[in-house]
Amino acid sequence: MEKTNVMRLLDQKRISYHSYYYGDTDAISGVDVATVLQQDVCQVFKTLVTVSSSKKYYVFMIPVAEELDLKKAAKSVGEKSVSMLPAKELLPLTGYVHGGCSPFGMKKKFPVVVHESAKNFSSIIFSAGKVGYQVEVSVSDLEESLDCQFAFLVEER
């Protein structure tokens, strides 16, 4: 399996990780990816980029089977509102395409908030910066290296 820029960055920071490859499957959604990798959908996270009404950017990580609650997300970063970044703006802003966005290695450093359920696991799995690749990183390493916060971010069911 080839290394992605995220994997090289993790190596550089001496952060241990486990990598996964699913590029030779039909997996499209995050739930599909978790299923193909035979992982708990609650432990596999997606990385979402938003823009606030004050034109600041924020990164949110939530379990793949969940939906981001924009009001809770905004409150967690002290903003009046946030909205999802339009897909066409994702690559120029972050360097990543839809489906391959990772909190590590973005063009600029943005505040990162992780759904609090991540604390239920010793590690979580998320995109390695390229469609078809995932990495599993300990929650403590994630918190330390990204200086992220934790908050309740998903819609109630």
N, C-alpha and C. Protein backbone atom coordinates (compact mmCIF):
# COMPACT_ATOMS: atom_id res chain seq x y z
N MET A 1 0.84 -1.18 0.00
CA MET A 1 0.00 0.00 0.00
C MET A 1 0.89 1.24 0.00
N GLU A 2 0.56 2.18 -0.88
CA GLU A 2 1.34 3.41 -0.93
C GLU A 2 1.03 4.29 0.28
N LYS A 3 1.98 5.15 0.64
CA LYS A 3 1.77 6.07 1.75
C LYS A 3 1.16 7.36 1.23
N THR A 4 0.21 7.87 2.00
CA THR A 4 -0.39 9.16 1.66
C THR A 4 0.41 10.26 2.39
N ASN A 5 0.14 11.50 2.02
CA ASN A 5 0.79 12.61 2.71
C ASN A 5 0.46 12.60 4.20
N VAL A 6 -0.75 12.20 4.55
CA VAL A 6 -1.14 12.13 5.97
C VAL A 6 -0.27 11.10 6.69
N MET A 7 -0.05 9.96 6.07
CA MET A 7 0.79 8.93 6.70
C MET A 7 2.22 9.43 6.87
N ARG A 8 2.74 10.13 5.86
CA ARG A 8 4.09 10.69 5.96
C ARG A 8 4.16 11.74 7.07
N LEU A 9 3.12 12.54 7.19
CA LEU A 9 3.07 13.55 8.25
C LEU A 9 3.03 12.89 9.64
N LEU A 10 2.24 11.84 9.77
CA LEU A 10 2.17 11.10 11.04
C LEU A 10 3.53 10.48 11.36
N ASP A 11 4.19 9.92 10.35
CA ASP A 11 5.54 9.37 10.54
C ASP A 11 6.49 10.46 11.03
N GLN A 12 6.42 11.61 10.38
CA GLN A 12 7.29 12.74 10.72
C GLN A 12 7.08 13.19 12.17
N LYS A 13 5.83 13.17 12.62
CA LYS A 13 5.50 13.60 13.99
C LYS A 13 5.67 12.46 14.99
N ARG A 14 6.10 11.30 14.49
CA ARG A 14 6.28 10.10 15.32
C ARG A 14 4.99 9.69 16.03
N ILE A 15 3.89 9.77 15.28
CA ILE A 15 2.59 9.35 15.78
C ILE A 15 2.30 7.98 15.18
N SER A 16 2.09 7.00 16.05
CA SER A 16 1.83 5.66 15.51
C SER A 16 0.40 5.59 14.98
N TYR A 17 0.24 4.81 13.93
CA TYR A 17 -1.06 4.65 13.29
C TYR A 17 -1.13 3.29 12.62
N HIS A 18 -2.34 2.89 12.32
CA HIS A 18 -2.58 1.69 11.52
C HIS A 18 -3.27 2.17 10.26
N SER A 19 -2.84 1.71 9.11
CA SER A 19 -3.45 2.16 7.86
C SER A 19 -4.35 1.08 7.26
N TYR A 20 -5.35 1.54 6.54
CA TYR A 20 -6.31 0.66 5.87
C TYR A 20 -6.45 1.11 4.42
N TYR A 21 -6.69 0.16 3.54
CA TYR A 21 -6.92 0.46 2.14
C TYR A 21 -8.22 -0.19 1.71
N TYR A 22 -9.09 0.58 1.06
CA TYR A 22 -10.35 0.02 0.57
C TYR A 22 -10.61 0.45 -0.87
N GLY A 23 -9.58 0.96 -1.54
CA GLY A 23 -9.72 1.51 -2.88
C GLY A 23 -10.18 0.54 -3.95
N ASP A 24 -10.04 -0.74 -3.70
CA ASP A 24 -10.46 -1.74 -4.70
C ASP A 24 -11.86 -2.26 -4.41
N THR A 25 -12.65 -1.49 -3.66
CA THR A 25 -14.02 -1.88 -3.35
C THR A 25 -14.98 -0.84 -3.92
N ASP A 26 -16.28 -1.10 -3.75
CA ASP A 26 -17.30 -0.16 -4.21
C ASP A 26 -17.73 0.80 -3.10
N ALA A 27 -17.02 0.80 -1.99
CA ALA A 27 -17.40 1.63 -0.84
C ALA A 27 -17.38 3.11 -1.23
N ILE A 28 -18.50 3.78 -0.97
CA ILE A 28 -18.60 5.20 -1.26
C ILE A 28 -18.83 5.98 0.04
N SER A 29 -19.87 5.60 0.76
CA SER A 29 -20.19 6.32 1.99
C SER A 29 -19.28 5.86 3.13
N GLY A 30 -19.25 6.66 4.18
CA GLY A 30 -18.47 6.30 5.35
C GLY A 30 -18.94 5.00 5.98
N VAL A 31 -20.24 4.78 5.96
CA VAL A 31 -20.79 3.53 6.50
C VAL A 31 -20.31 2.35 5.65
N ASP A 32 -20.29 2.53 4.33
CA ASP A 32 -19.77 1.49 3.43
C ASP A 32 -18.31 1.19 3.77
N VAL A 33 -17.53 2.25 3.98
CA VAL A 33 -16.10 2.09 4.29
C VAL A 33 -15.94 1.30 5.59
N ALA A 34 -16.69 1.67 6.63
CA ALA A 34 -16.60 0.96 7.90
C ALA A 34 -16.96 -0.51 7.73
N THR A 35 -17.98 -0.78 6.93
CA THR A 35 -18.42 -2.15 6.68
C THR A 35 -17.34 -2.95 5.95
N VAL A 36 -16.80 -2.37 4.89
CA VAL A 36 -15.75 -3.04 4.12
C VAL A 36 -14.52 -3.33 5.00
N LEU A 37 -14.17 -2.38 5.87
CA LEU A 37 -13.01 -2.55 6.74
C LEU A 37 -13.33 -3.39 7.97
N GLN A 38 -14.59 -3.81 8.09
CA GLN A 38 -15.06 -4.61 9.23
C GLN A 38 -14.77 -3.89 10.56
N GLN A 39 -15.10 -2.59 10.57
CA GLN A 39 -14.90 -1.77 11.76
C GLN A 39 -16.24 -1.25 12.25
N ASP A 40 -16.30 -0.91 13.52
CA ASP A 40 -17.48 -0.35 14.15
C ASP A 40 -17.77 1.02 13.54
N VAL A 41 -18.98 1.24 13.02
CA VAL A 41 -19.32 2.54 12.42
C VAL A 41 -19.21 3.68 13.43
N CYS A 42 -19.27 3.37 14.70
CA CYS A 42 -19.13 4.39 15.74
C CYS A 42 -17.68 4.82 15.92
N GLN A 43 -16.74 4.01 15.44
CA GLN A 43 -15.31 4.28 15.60
C GLN A 43 -14.69 4.88 14.34
N VAL A 44 -15.42 4.86 13.24
CA VAL A 44 -14.94 5.42 11.98
C VAL A 44 -15.56 6.82 11.84
N PHE A 45 -14.70 7.83 11.68
CA PHE A 45 -15.15 9.22 11.66
C PHE A 45 -14.96 9.86 10.29
N LYS A 46 -15.85 10.81 10.01
CA LYS A 46 -15.70 11.61 8.79
C LYS A 46 -15.25 13.01 9.20
N THR A 47 -14.54 13.67 8.29
CA THR A 47 -14.00 15.00 8.53
C THR A 47 -14.79 15.99 7.69
N LEU A 48 -15.43 16.93 8.35
CA LEU A 48 -16.29 17.90 7.68
C LEU A 48 -15.74 19.31 7.88
N VAL A 49 -15.74 20.10 6.82
CA VAL A 49 -15.24 21.47 6.90
C VAL A 49 -16.42 22.42 6.76
N THR A 50 -16.45 23.41 7.65
CA THR A 50 -17.54 24.38 7.66
C THR A 50 -16.97 25.80 7.59
N VAL A 51 -17.86 26.72 7.27
CA VAL A 51 -17.52 28.14 7.29
C VAL A 51 -18.57 28.83 8.16
N SER A 52 -18.11 29.75 9.00
CA SER A 52 -19.02 30.43 9.92
C SER A 52 -19.55 31.71 9.30
N SER A 53 -20.55 32.29 9.95
CA SER A 53 -21.10 33.56 9.48
C SER A 53 -20.04 34.66 9.55
N SER A 54 -19.02 34.47 10.40
CA SER A 54 -17.93 35.46 10.49
C SER A 54 -16.78 35.12 9.52
N LYS A 55 -17.04 34.18 8.61
CA LYS A 55 -16.09 33.77 7.55
C LYS A 55 -14.84 33.06 8.07
N LYS A 56 -14.97 32.39 9.22
CA LYS A 56 -13.88 31.56 9.73
C LYS A 56 -14.20 30.11 9.40
N TYR A 57 -13.15 29.30 9.25
CA TYR A 57 -13.32 27.90 8.89
C TYR A 57 -13.10 27.01 10.10
N TYR A 58 -13.89 25.96 10.19
CA TYR A 58 -13.79 25.00 11.29
C TYR A 58 -13.89 23.59 10.74
N VAL A 59 -13.19 22.67 11.39
CA VAL A 59 -13.20 21.26 11.00
C VAL A 59 -13.89 20.47 12.11
N PHE A 60 -14.83 19.64 11.72
CA PHE A 60 -15.55 18.80 12.67
C PHE A 60 -15.39 17.34 12.28
N MET A 61 -15.16 16.49 13.26
CA MET A 61 -15.04 15.05 13.03
C MET A 61 -16.17 14.36 13.79
N ILE A 62 -16.97 13.60 13.05
CA ILE A 62 -18.10 12.89 13.66
C ILE A 62 -18.15 11.46 13.11
N PRO A 63 -18.81 10.55 13.85
CA PRO A 63 -18.96 9.18 13.34
C PRO A 63 -19.66 9.17 11.98
N VAL A 64 -19.25 8.26 11.11
CA VAL A 64 -19.73 8.25 9.73
C VAL A 64 -21.24 8.04 9.58
N ALA A 65 -21.88 7.41 10.54
CA ALA A 65 -23.31 7.16 10.43
C ALA A 65 -24.15 8.33 10.95
N GLU A 66 -23.49 9.35 11.45
CA GLU A 66 -24.19 10.49 12.06
C GLU A 66 -24.22 11.69 11.12
N GLU A 67 -25.08 12.66 11.48
CA GLU A 67 -25.16 13.93 10.75
C GLU A 67 -24.73 15.05 11.68
N LEU A 68 -23.98 15.99 11.15
CA LEU A 68 -23.53 17.13 11.93
C LEU A 68 -24.71 18.04 12.24
N ASP A 69 -24.89 18.39 13.50
CA ASP A 69 -25.89 19.36 13.91
C ASP A 69 -25.21 20.73 13.83
N LEU A 70 -25.58 21.53 12.85
CA LEU A 70 -24.89 22.79 12.60
C LEU A 70 -25.02 23.77 13.77
N LYS A 71 -26.14 23.73 14.47
CA LYS A 71 -26.31 24.62 15.63
C LYS A 71 -25.37 24.22 16.76
N LYS A 72 -25.27 22.93 17.03
CA LYS A 72 -24.35 22.45 18.07
C LYS A 72 -22.90 22.72 17.67
N ALA A 73 -22.61 22.54 16.39
CA ALA A 73 -21.26 22.79 15.89
C ALA A 73 -20.89 24.26 16.10
N ALA A 74 -21.79 25.15 15.71
CA ALA A 74 -21.54 26.59 15.87
C ALA A 74 -21.33 26.94 17.34
N LYS A 75 -22.19 26.42 18.19
CA LYS A 75 -22.08 26.72 19.62
C LYS A 75 -20.73 26.24 20.18
N SER A 76 -20.25 25.08 19.69
CA SER A 76 -19.01 24.51 20.21
C SER A 76 -17.79 25.38 19.90
N VAL A 77 -17.89 26.22 18.87
CA VAL A 77 -16.77 27.09 18.50
C VAL A 77 -17.07 28.56 18.75
N GLY A 78 -18.17 28.83 19.45
CA GLY A 78 -18.52 30.20 19.82
C GLY A 78 -18.97 31.07 18.66
N GLU A 79 -19.60 30.46 17.67
CA GLU A 79 -20.10 31.19 16.50
C GLU A 79 -21.63 31.21 16.52
N LYS A 80 -22.22 32.20 15.82
CA LYS A 80 -23.67 32.26 15.72
C LYS A 80 -24.19 31.16 14.81
N SER A 81 -23.45 30.90 13.73
CA SER A 81 -23.86 29.84 12.80
C SER A 81 -22.67 29.37 11.99
N VAL A 82 -22.77 28.13 11.53
CA VAL A 82 -21.81 27.57 10.58
C VAL A 82 -22.61 26.84 9.50
N SER A 83 -22.01 26.75 8.33
CA SER A 83 -22.63 25.99 7.25
C SER A 83 -21.54 25.14 6.60
N MET A 84 -21.98 24.09 5.94
CA MET A 84 -21.02 23.21 5.27
C MET A 84 -20.33 23.98 4.15
N LEU A 85 -19.04 23.76 4.03
CA LEU A 85 -18.27 24.38 2.96
C LEU A 85 -18.73 23.76 1.63
N PRO A 86 -19.03 24.57 0.63
CA PRO A 86 -19.40 23.99 -0.67
C PRO A 86 -18.27 23.09 -1.19
N ALA A 87 -18.64 21.95 -1.77
CA ALA A 87 -17.67 20.95 -2.23
C ALA A 87 -16.61 21.54 -3.15
N LYS A 88 -16.99 22.48 -4.01
CA LYS A 88 -16.03 23.05 -4.96
C LYS A 88 -14.95 23.88 -4.26
N GLU A 89 -15.20 24.31 -3.02
CA GLU A 89 -14.24 25.11 -2.27
C GLU A 89 -13.31 24.25 -1.41
N LEU A 90 -13.62 22.97 -1.27
CA LEU A 90 -12.86 22.09 -0.38
C LEU A 90 -11.40 21.91 -0.82
N LEU A 91 -11.18 21.55 -2.07
CA LEU A 91 -9.82 21.31 -2.56
C LEU A 91 -8.94 22.57 -2.49
N PRO A 92 -9.41 23.73 -2.98
CA PRO A 92 -8.55 24.91 -2.90
C PRO A 92 -8.23 25.32 -1.45
N LEU A 93 -9.18 25.13 -0.54
CA LEU A 93 -8.97 25.54 0.85
C LEU A 93 -8.11 24.56 1.64
N THR A 94 -8.38 23.26 1.48
CA THR A 94 -7.74 22.25 2.33
C THR A 94 -6.66 21.43 1.63
N GLY A 95 -6.75 21.32 0.31
CA GLY A 95 -5.86 20.43 -0.43
C GLY A 95 -6.43 19.02 -0.56
N TYR A 96 -7.65 18.83 -0.06
CA TYR A 96 -8.29 17.51 -0.10
C TYR A 96 -9.57 17.54 -0.91
N VAL A 97 -9.91 16.39 -1.48
CA VAL A 97 -11.17 16.25 -2.22
C VAL A 97 -12.23 15.65 -1.30
N HIS A 98 -13.48 15.83 -1.70
CA HIS A 98 -14.60 15.25 -0.95
C HIS A 98 -14.40 13.74 -0.87
N GLY A 99 -14.51 13.18 0.33
CA GLY A 99 -14.31 11.74 0.52
C GLY A 99 -12.89 11.39 0.90
N GLY A 100 -12.00 12.37 0.84
CA GLY A 100 -10.60 12.11 1.19
C GLY A 100 -10.04 13.19 2.11
N CYS A 101 -10.93 13.87 2.82
CA CYS A 101 -10.51 14.97 3.68
C CYS A 101 -10.06 14.45 5.05
N SER A 102 -8.89 14.90 5.47
CA SER A 102 -8.32 14.48 6.75
C SER A 102 -8.03 15.72 7.60
N PRO A 103 -8.12 15.59 8.92
CA PRO A 103 -7.79 16.74 9.77
C PRO A 103 -6.28 17.03 9.79
N PHE A 104 -5.47 16.07 9.36
CA PHE A 104 -4.02 16.25 9.29
C PHE A 104 -3.62 16.71 7.90
N GLY A 105 -2.70 17.66 7.84
CA GLY A 105 -2.10 18.04 6.57
C GLY A 105 -2.89 18.98 5.71
N MET A 106 -3.87 19.69 6.28
CA MET A 106 -4.58 20.68 5.47
C MET A 106 -3.63 21.82 5.14
N LYS A 107 -3.94 22.57 4.08
CA LYS A 107 -3.09 23.68 3.64
C LYS A 107 -2.88 24.70 4.77
N LYS A 108 -3.93 24.93 5.56
CA LYS A 108 -3.86 25.83 6.70
C LYS A 108 -4.37 25.09 7.92
N LYS A 109 -3.98 25.57 9.09
CA LYS A 109 -4.45 24.95 10.33
C LYS A 109 -5.75 25.60 10.75
N PHE A 110 -6.78 24.79 10.89
CA PHE A 110 -8.09 25.27 11.32
C PHE A 110 -8.44 24.63 12.65
N PRO A 111 -9.27 25.29 13.47
CA PRO A 111 -9.72 24.66 14.71
C PRO A 111 -10.46 23.35 14.40
N VAL A 112 -10.16 22.32 15.19
CA VAL A 112 -10.77 21.01 14.99
C VAL A 112 -11.57 20.65 16.24
N VAL A 113 -12.82 20.21 16.03
CA VAL A 113 -13.67 19.74 17.12
C VAL A 113 -14.09 18.32 16.77
N VAL A 114 -13.90 17.42 17.72
CA VAL A 114 -14.21 16.01 17.52
C VAL A 114 -15.43 15.65 18.37
N HIS A 115 -16.33 14.88 17.80
CA HIS A 115 -17.50 14.46 18.56
C HIS A 115 -17.04 13.70 19.80
N GLU A 116 -17.67 14.00 20.91
CA GLU A 116 -17.23 13.45 22.20
C GLU A 116 -17.27 11.93 22.29
N SER A 117 -18.00 11.28 21.40
CA SER A 117 -18.06 9.82 21.44
C SER A 117 -16.70 9.20 21.13
N ALA A 118 -15.78 9.98 20.52
CA ALA A 118 -14.44 9.46 20.24
C ALA A 118 -13.76 9.02 21.53
N LYS A 119 -14.11 9.66 22.63
CA LYS A 119 -13.50 9.33 23.92
C LYS A 119 -13.92 7.95 24.42
N ASN A 120 -14.92 7.34 23.78
CA ASN A 120 -15.34 5.98 24.13
C ASN A 120 -14.37 4.93 23.58
N PHE A 121 -13.45 5.36 22.73
CA PHE A 121 -12.51 4.45 22.08
C PHE A 121 -11.08 4.86 22.40
N SER A 122 -10.18 3.90 22.35
CA SER A 122 -8.77 4.26 22.52
C SER A 122 -8.22 4.88 21.24
N SER A 123 -8.83 4.54 20.10
CA SER A 123 -8.41 5.10 18.82
C SER A 123 -9.63 5.25 17.91
N ILE A 124 -9.49 6.14 16.91
CA ILE A 124 -10.54 6.28 15.91
C ILE A 124 -9.91 6.19 14.52
N ILE A 125 -10.76 5.91 13.54
CA ILE A 125 -10.32 5.73 12.16
C ILE A 125 -10.91 6.87 11.33
N PHE A 126 -10.09 7.44 10.44
CA PHE A 126 -10.55 8.54 9.60
C PHE A 126 -9.72 8.57 8.32
N SER A 127 -10.09 9.43 7.40
CA SER A 127 -9.43 9.47 6.10
C SER A 127 -7.95 9.77 6.23
N ALA A 128 -7.17 9.08 5.41
CA ALA A 128 -5.73 9.30 5.36
C ALA A 128 -5.38 10.34 4.29
N GLY A 129 -6.37 11.12 3.87
CA GLY A 129 -6.11 12.21 2.93
C GLY A 129 -6.25 11.86 1.47
N LYS A 130 -6.71 10.65 1.20
CA LYS A 130 -6.90 10.21 -0.17
C LYS A 130 -8.03 9.20 -0.18
N VAL A 131 -8.93 9.30 -1.15
CA VAL A 131 -10.03 8.35 -1.24
C VAL A 131 -9.44 6.94 -1.37
N GLY A 132 -9.94 6.03 -0.55
CA GLY A 132 -9.45 4.65 -0.57
C GLY A 132 -8.51 4.31 0.57
N TYR A 133 -8.13 5.32 1.35
CA TYR A 133 -7.17 5.12 2.44
C TYR A 133 -7.71 5.69 3.75
N GLN A 134 -7.51 4.95 4.82
CA GLN A 134 -7.90 5.38 6.16
C GLN A 134 -6.74 5.14 7.11
N VAL A 135 -6.70 5.90 8.20
CA VAL A 135 -5.72 5.66 9.26
C VAL A 135 -6.45 5.57 10.59
N GLU A 136 -5.87 4.79 11.48
CA GLU A 136 -6.38 4.67 12.85
C GLU A 136 -5.32 5.26 13.77
N VAL A 137 -5.73 6.25 14.55
CA VAL A 137 -4.83 6.98 15.43
C VAL A 137 -5.44 7.01 16.82
N SER A 138 -4.60 6.93 17.85
CA SER A 138 -5.13 6.97 19.21
C SER A 138 -5.77 8.34 19.46
N VAL A 139 -6.81 8.33 20.25
CA VAL A 139 -7.53 9.57 20.56
C VAL A 139 -6.60 10.54 21.29
N SER A 140 -5.74 10.02 22.15
CA SER A 140 -4.82 10.90 22.87
C SER A 140 -3.82 11.56 21.92
N ASP A 141 -3.30 10.82 20.93
CA ASP A 141 -2.40 11.41 19.93
C ASP A 141 -3.13 12.43 19.07
N LEU A 142 -4.37 12.13 18.73
CA LEU A 142 -5.19 13.05 17.95
C LEU A 142 -5.37 14.36 18.71
N GLU A 143 -5.74 14.25 19.97
CA GLU A 143 -5.98 15.43 20.80
C GLU A 143 -4.71 16.26 20.95
N GLU A 144 -3.60 15.59 21.21
CA GLU A 144 -2.34 16.29 21.43
C GLU A 144 -1.80 16.94 20.15
N SER A 145 -1.83 16.22 19.05
CA SER A 145 -1.22 16.72 17.82
C SER A 145 -2.09 17.75 17.09
N LEU A 146 -3.41 17.65 17.20
CA LEU A 146 -4.29 18.60 16.53
C LEU A 146 -4.75 19.71 17.46
N ASP A 147 -4.47 19.57 18.76
CA ASP A 147 -4.95 20.53 19.75
C ASP A 147 -6.47 20.71 19.58
N CYS A 148 -7.17 19.59 19.45
CA CYS A 148 -8.60 19.64 19.19
C CYS A 148 -9.41 19.70 20.49
N GLN A 149 -10.66 20.06 20.32
CA GLN A 149 -11.62 20.06 21.42
C GLN A 149 -12.60 18.92 21.18
N PHE A 150 -13.37 18.60 22.20
CA PHE A 150 -14.41 17.59 22.08
C PHE A 150 -15.74 18.22 22.47
N ALA A 151 -16.80 17.89 21.72
CA ALA A 151 -18.12 18.42 22.00
C ALA A 151 -19.16 17.48 21.42
N PHE A 152 -20.40 17.64 21.87
CA PHE A 152 -21.50 16.85 21.31
C PHE A 152 -21.95 17.57 20.05
N LEU A 153 -21.78 16.94 18.90
CA LEU A 153 -21.94 17.61 17.61
C LEU A 153 -23.01 17.03 16.69
N VAL A 154 -23.63 15.93 17.06
CA VAL A 154 -24.52 15.26 16.10
C VAL A 154 -25.98 15.50 16.40
N GLU A 155 -26.78 15.29 15.35
CA GLU A 155 -28.23 15.44 15.48
C GLU A 155 -28.79 14.35 16.37
N GLU A 156 -29.78 14.72 17.15
CA GLU A 156 -30.48 13.74 18.00
C GLU A 156 -31.30 12.82 17.11
N ARG A 157 -31.39 11.57 17.52
CA ARG A 157 -32.20 10.61 16.73
C ARG A 157 -33.46 10.28 17.46
